[in-house]
Amino acid sequence: HDVAIIDGKPEILSTFGYVHEALG
């Protein structure tokens, strides 16, 4: 995953959501 630190905490910029949607 690609992750940024925003307001001191990790924020994922990428997502596996599209994969999950395709695979149910």
PDB file of all heavy atoms in Angstrom:
ATOM      1  N   HIS A   1       0.842  -1.197   0.000  1.00  0.00           N
ATOM      2  CA  HIS A   1       0.000   0.000   0.000  1.00  0.00           C
ATOM      3  C   HIS A   1       0.881   1.251   0.000  1.00  0.00           C
ATOM      4  O   HIS A   1       2.007   1.241   0.521  1.00  0.00           O
ATOM      5  CB  HIS A   1      -0.881   0.064   1.246  1.00  0.00           C
ATOM      6  CG  HIS A   1      -2.251  -0.506   1.082  1.00  0.00           C
ATOM      7  ND1 HIS A   1      -3.072  -0.204   0.009  1.00  0.00           N
ATOM      8  CD2 HIS A   1      -2.980  -1.344   1.890  1.00  0.00           C
ATOM      9  CE1 HIS A   1      -4.238  -0.824   0.157  1.00  0.00           C
ATOM     10  NE2 HIS A   1      -4.202  -1.524   1.277  1.00  0.00           N
ATOM     11  N   ASP A   2       0.343   2.350  -0.562  1.00  0.00           N
ATOM     12  CA  ASP A   2       0.955   3.679  -0.461  1.00  0.00           C
ATOM     13  C   ASP A   2       0.288   4.408   0.701  1.00  0.00           C
ATOM     14  O   ASP A   2      -0.944   4.506   0.739  1.00  0.00           O
ATOM     15  CB  ASP A   2       0.739   4.476  -1.743  1.00  0.00           C
ATOM     16  CG  ASP A   2       1.296   3.766  -2.976  1.00  0.00           C
ATOM     17  OD1 ASP A   2       2.161   2.887  -2.813  1.00  0.00           O
ATOM     18  OD2 ASP A   2       0.862   4.098  -4.096  1.00  0.00           O
ATOM     19  N   VAL A   3       1.097   4.928   1.620  1.00  0.00           N
ATOM     20  CA  VAL A   3       0.558   5.505   2.852  1.00  0.00           C
ATOM     21  C   VAL A   3       1.223   6.842   3.162  1.00  0.00           C
ATOM     22  O   VAL A   3       2.453   6.960   3.097  1.00  0.00           O
ATOM     23  CB  VAL A   3       0.770   4.552   4.052  1.00  0.00           C
ATOM     24  CG1 VAL A   3      -0.085   4.988   5.240  1.00  0.00           C
ATOM     25  CG2 VAL A   3       0.457   3.102   3.682  1.00  0.00           C
ATOM     26  N   ALA A   4       0.410   7.839   3.503  1.00  0.00           N
ATOM     27  CA  ALA A   4       0.913   9.152   3.916  1.00  0.00           C
ATOM     28  C   ALA A   4       0.682   9.348   5.409  1.00  0.00           C
ATOM     29  O   ALA A   4      -0.192   8.706   6.007  1.00  0.00           O
ATOM     30  CB  ALA A   4       0.197  10.249   3.134  1.00  0.00           C
ATOM     31  N   ILE A   5       1.449  10.245   5.997  1.00  0.00           N
ATOM     32  CA  ILE A   5       1.173  10.663   7.374  1.00  0.00           C
ATOM     33  C   ILE A   5       0.464  12.008   7.313  1.00  0.00           C
ATOM     34  O   ILE A   5       1.031  13.013   6.872  1.00  0.00           O
ATOM     35  CB  ILE A   5       2.451  10.764   8.221  1.00  0.00           C
ATOM     36  CG1 ILE A   5       3.123   9.388   8.330  1.00  0.00           C
ATOM     37  CG2 ILE A   5       2.132  11.307   9.615  1.00  0.00           C
ATOM     38  CD1 ILE A   5       4.389   9.377   9.167  1.00  0.00           C
ATOM     39  N   ILE A   6      -0.802  12.009   7.727  1.00  0.00           N
ATOM     40  CA  ILE A   6      -1.636  13.215   7.732  1.00  0.00           C
ATOM     41  C   ILE A   6      -2.197  13.406   9.142  1.00  0.00           C
ATOM     42  O   ILE A   6      -2.767  12.478   9.722  1.00  0.00           O
ATOM     43  CB  ILE A   6      -2.797  13.101   6.718  1.00  0.00           C
ATOM     44  CG1 ILE A   6      -2.244  12.921   5.291  1.00  0.00           C
ATOM     45  CG2 ILE A   6      -3.692  14.325   6.786  1.00  0.00           C
ATOM     46  CD1 ILE A   6      -3.320  12.726   4.236  1.00  0.00           C
ATOM     47  N   ASP A   7      -2.003  14.603   9.697  1.00  0.00           N
ATOM     48  CA  ASP A   7      -2.420  14.886  11.070  1.00  0.00           C
ATOM     49  C   ASP A   7      -1.833  13.863  12.039  1.00  0.00           C
ATOM     50  O   ASP A   7      -2.482  13.434  13.001  1.00  0.00           O
ATOM     51  CB  ASP A   7      -3.951  14.912  11.195  1.00  0.00           C
ATOM     52  CG  ASP A   7      -4.575  16.060  10.416  1.00  0.00           C
ATOM     53  OD1 ASP A   7      -3.900  17.096  10.241  1.00  0.00           O
ATOM     54  OD2 ASP A   7      -5.727  15.926   9.967  1.00  0.00           O
ATOM     55  N   GLY A   8      -0.592  13.465  11.736  1.00  0.00           N
ATOM     56  CA  GLY A   8       0.133  12.584  12.636  1.00  0.00           C
ATOM     57  C   GLY A   8      -0.165  11.110  12.493  1.00  0.00           C
ATOM     58  O   GLY A   8       0.471  10.282  13.147  1.00  0.00           O
ATOM     59  N   LYS A   9      -1.139  10.750  11.651  1.00  0.00           N
ATOM     60  CA  LYS A   9      -1.607   9.364  11.562  1.00  0.00           C
ATOM     61  C   LYS A   9      -1.484   8.835  10.132  1.00  0.00           C
ATOM     62  O   LYS A   9      -1.427   9.614   9.180  1.00  0.00           O
ATOM     63  CB  LYS A   9      -3.065   9.281  12.017  1.00  0.00           C
ATOM     64  CG  LYS A   9      -3.304   9.728  13.451  1.00  0.00           C
ATOM     65  CD  LYS A   9      -4.772   9.644  13.818  1.00  0.00           C
ATOM     66  CE  LYS A   9      -5.617  10.620  13.015  1.00  0.00           C
ATOM     67  NZ  LYS A   9      -7.038  10.638  13.457  1.00  0.00           N
ATOM     68  N   PRO A  10      -1.499   7.501   9.979  1.00  0.00           N
ATOM     69  CA  PRO A  10      -1.403   6.925   8.635  1.00  0.00           C
ATOM     70  C   PRO A  10      -2.697   7.083   7.847  1.00  0.00           C
ATOM     71  O   PRO A  10      -3.793   6.838   8.370  1.00  0.00           O
ATOM     72  CB  PRO A  10      -1.103   5.449   8.903  1.00  0.00           C
ATOM     73  CG  PRO A  10      -1.664   5.174  10.257  1.00  0.00           C
ATOM     74  CD  PRO A  10      -1.517   6.449  11.025  1.00  0.00           C
ATOM     75  N   GLU A  11      -2.564   7.484   6.600  1.00  0.00           N
ATOM     76  CA  GLU A  11      -3.685   7.602   5.673  1.00  0.00           C
ATOM     77  C   GLU A  11      -3.321   6.823   4.407  1.00  0.00           C
ATOM     78  O   GLU A  11      -2.365   7.167   3.700  1.00  0.00           O
ATOM     79  CB  GLU A  11      -3.947   9.067   5.331  1.00  0.00           C
ATOM     80  CG  GLU A  11      -4.914   9.298   4.184  1.00  0.00           C
ATOM     81  CD  GLU A  11      -6.370   9.423   4.630  1.00  0.00           C
ATOM     82  OE1 GLU A  11      -6.623   9.368   5.838  1.00  0.00           O
ATOM     83  OE2 GLU A  11      -7.235   9.576   3.753  1.00  0.00           O
ATOM     84  N   ILE A  12      -4.077   5.755   4.116  1.00  0.00           N
ATOM     85  CA  ILE A  12      -3.824   4.953   2.921  1.00  0.00           C
ATOM     86  C   ILE A  12      -4.285   5.717   1.689  1.00  0.00           C
ATOM     87  O   ILE A  12      -5.436   6.156   1.614  1.00  0.00           O
ATOM     88  CB  ILE A  12      -4.535   3.591   3.011  1.00  0.00           C
ATOM     89  CG1 ILE A  12      -3.953   2.756   4.146  1.00  0.00           C
ATOM     90  CG2 ILE A  12      -4.396   2.831   1.693  1.00  0.00           C
ATOM     91  CD1 ILE A  12      -4.615   1.402   4.312  1.00  0.00           C
ATOM     92  N   LEU A  13      -3.380   5.875   0.723  1.00  0.00           N
ATOM     93  CA  LEU A  13      -3.713   6.571  -0.519  1.00  0.00           C
ATOM     94  C   LEU A  13      -4.219   5.606  -1.578  1.00  0.00           C
ATOM     95  O   LEU A  13      -5.010   5.986  -2.443  1.00  0.00           O
ATOM     96  CB  LEU A  13      -2.488   7.320  -1.050  1.00  0.00           C
ATOM     97  CG  LEU A  13      -1.825   8.301  -0.079  1.00  0.00           C
ATOM     98  CD1 LEU A  13      -0.636   8.990  -0.763  1.00  0.00           C
ATOM     99  CD2 LEU A  13      -2.816   9.333   0.435  1.00  0.00           C
ATOM    100  N   SER A  14      -3.737   4.377  -1.535  1.00  0.00           N
ATOM    101  CA  SER A  14      -4.179   3.327  -2.451  1.00  0.00           C
ATOM    102  C   SER A  14      -5.368   2.595  -1.827  1.00  0.00           C
ATOM    103  O   SER A  14      -5.756   2.870  -0.697  1.00  0.00           O
ATOM    104  CB  SER A  14      -3.028   2.353  -2.715  1.00  0.00           C
ATOM    105  OG  SER A  14      -2.403   1.957  -1.501  1.00  0.00           O
ATOM    106  N   THR A  15      -5.939   1.656  -2.571  1.00  0.00           N
ATOM    107  CA  THR A  15      -7.017   0.838  -2.018  1.00  0.00           C
ATOM    108  C   THR A  15      -7.056  -0.515  -2.708  1.00  0.00           C
ATOM    109  O   THR A  15      -6.760  -0.620  -3.907  1.00  0.00           O
ATOM    110  CB  THR A  15      -8.394   1.513  -2.154  1.00  0.00           C
ATOM    111  OG1 THR A  15      -9.392   0.677  -1.567  1.00  0.00           O
ATOM    112  CG2 THR A  15      -8.765   1.771  -3.613  1.00  0.00           C
ATOM    113  N   PHE A  16      -7.419  -1.541  -1.953  1.00  0.00           N
ATOM    114  CA  PHE A  16      -7.721  -2.842  -2.541  1.00  0.00           C
ATOM    115  C   PHE A  16      -9.212  -2.961  -2.836  1.00  0.00           C
ATOM    116  O   PHE A  16      -9.685  -4.028  -3.218  1.00  0.00           O
ATOM    117  CB  PHE A  16      -7.291  -3.966  -1.598  1.00  0.00           C
ATOM    118  CG  PHE A  16      -5.807  -4.053  -1.363  1.00  0.00           C
ATOM    119  CD1 PHE A  16      -5.307  -4.528  -0.153  1.00  0.00           C
ATOM    120  CD2 PHE A  16      -4.896  -3.678  -2.343  1.00  0.00           C
ATOM    121  CE1 PHE A  16      -3.948  -4.624   0.072  1.00  0.00           C
ATOM    122  CE2 PHE A  16      -3.524  -3.762  -2.127  1.00  0.00           C
ATOM    123  CZ  PHE A  16      -3.047  -4.247  -0.911  1.00  0.00           C
ATOM    124  N   GLY A  17      -9.947  -1.877  -2.662  1.00  0.00           N
ATOM    125  CA  GLY A  17     -11.396  -1.911  -2.829  1.00  0.00           C
ATOM    126  C   GLY A  17     -11.832  -2.354  -4.214  1.00  0.00           C
ATOM    127  O   GLY A  17     -12.828  -3.079  -4.354  1.00  0.00           O
ATOM    128  N   TYR A  18     -11.117  -1.934  -5.248  1.00  0.00           N
ATOM    129  CA  TYR A  18     -11.486  -2.317  -6.614  1.00  0.00           C
ATOM    130  C   TYR A  18     -11.260  -3.816  -6.836  1.00  0.00           C
ATOM    131  O   TYR A  18     -12.042  -4.473  -7.529  1.00  0.00           O
ATOM    132  CB  TYR A  18     -10.689  -1.501  -7.637  1.00  0.00           C
ATOM    133  CG  TYR A  18     -11.000  -0.024  -7.591  1.00  0.00           C
ATOM    134  CD1 TYR A  18     -10.137   0.861  -6.951  1.00  0.00           C
ATOM    135  CD2 TYR A  18     -12.155   0.490  -8.176  1.00  0.00           C
ATOM    136  CE1 TYR A  18     -10.417   2.226  -6.894  1.00  0.00           C
ATOM    137  CE2 TYR A  18     -12.437   1.849  -8.132  1.00  0.00           C
ATOM    138  CZ  TYR A  18     -11.570   2.701  -7.481  1.00  0.00           C
ATOM    139  OH  TYR A  18     -11.846   4.048  -7.423  1.00  0.00           O
ATOM    140  N   VAL A  19     -10.184  -4.352  -6.247  1.00  0.00           N
ATOM    141  CA  VAL A  19      -9.947  -5.791  -6.311  1.00  0.00           C
ATOM    142  C   VAL A  19     -11.044  -6.538  -5.567  1.00  0.00           C
ATOM    143  O   VAL A  19     -11.615  -7.515  -6.068  1.00  0.00           O
ATOM    144  CB  VAL A  19      -8.563  -6.142  -5.724  1.00  0.00           C
ATOM    145  CG1 VAL A  19      -8.397  -7.651  -5.599  1.00  0.00           C
ATOM    146  CG2 VAL A  19      -7.449  -5.555  -6.576  1.00  0.00           C
ATOM    147  N   HIS A  20     -11.349  -6.075  -4.363  1.00  0.00           N
ATOM    148  CA  HIS A  20     -12.381  -6.738  -3.561  1.00  0.00           C
ATOM    149  C   HIS A  20     -13.726  -6.728  -4.270  1.00  0.00           C
ATOM    150  O   HIS A  20     -14.450  -7.734  -4.274  1.00  0.00           O
ATOM    151  CB  HIS A  20     -12.507  -6.046  -2.198  1.00  0.00           C
ATOM    152  CG  HIS A  20     -11.303  -6.221  -1.333  1.00  0.00           C
ATOM    153  ND1 HIS A  20     -11.048  -5.431  -0.232  1.00  0.00           N
ATOM    154  CD2 HIS A  20     -10.273  -7.097  -1.397  1.00  0.00           C
ATOM    155  CE1 HIS A  20      -9.923  -5.815   0.339  1.00  0.00           C
ATOM    156  NE2 HIS A  20      -9.431  -6.823  -0.345  1.00  0.00           N
ATOM    157  N   GLU A  21     -14.050  -5.600  -4.888  1.00  0.00           N
ATOM    158  CA  GLU A  21     -15.315  -5.492  -5.615  1.00  0.00           C
ATOM    159  C   GLU A  21     -15.354  -6.509  -6.757  1.00  0.00           C
ATOM    160  O   GLU A  21     -16.361  -7.197  -6.964  1.00  0.00           O
ATOM    161  CB  GLU A  21     -15.483  -4.074  -6.154  1.00  0.00           C
ATOM    162  CG  GLU A  21     -16.818  -3.811  -6.826  1.00  0.00           C
ATOM    163  CD  GLU A  21     -16.949  -2.352  -7.265  1.00  0.00           C
ATOM    164  OE1 GLU A  21     -16.024  -1.842  -7.929  1.00  0.00           O
ATOM    165  OE2 GLU A  21     -17.979  -1.745  -6.961  1.00  0.00           O
ATOM    166  N   ALA A  22     -14.258  -6.626  -7.496  1.00  0.00           N
ATOM    167  CA  ALA A  22     -14.199  -7.556  -8.626  1.00  0.00           C
ATOM    168  C   ALA A  22     -14.296  -9.004  -8.170  1.00  0.00           C
ATOM    169  O   ALA A  22     -14.873  -9.847  -8.875  1.00  0.00           O
ATOM    170  CB  ALA A  22     -12.907  -7.341  -9.412  1.00  0.00           C
ATOM    171  N   LEU A  23     -13.743  -9.308  -6.995  1.00  0.00           N
ATOM    172  CA  LEU A  23     -13.698 -10.682  -6.507  1.00  0.00           C
ATOM    173  C   LEU A  23     -14.852 -11.016  -5.562  1.00  0.00           C
ATOM    174  O   LEU A  23     -14.943 -12.146  -5.070  1.00  0.00           O
ATOM    175  CB  LEU A  23     -12.359 -10.939  -5.791  1.00  0.00           C
ATOM    176  CG  LEU A  23     -11.104 -10.787  -6.654  1.00  0.00           C
ATOM    177  CD1 LEU A  23      -9.859 -11.053  -5.823  1.00  0.00           C
ATOM    178  CD2 LEU A  23     -11.149 -11.707  -7.861  1.00  0.00           C
ATOM    179  N   GLY A  24     -15.715 -10.042  -5.289  1.00  0.00           N
ATOM    180  CA  GLY A  24     -16.843 -10.283  -4.391  1.00  0.00           C
ATOM    181  C   GLY A  24     -16.440 -10.411  -2.936  1.00  0.00           C
ATOM    182  O   GLY A  24     -17.101 -11.104  -2.150  1.00  0.00           O
TER     183      GLY A  24
END
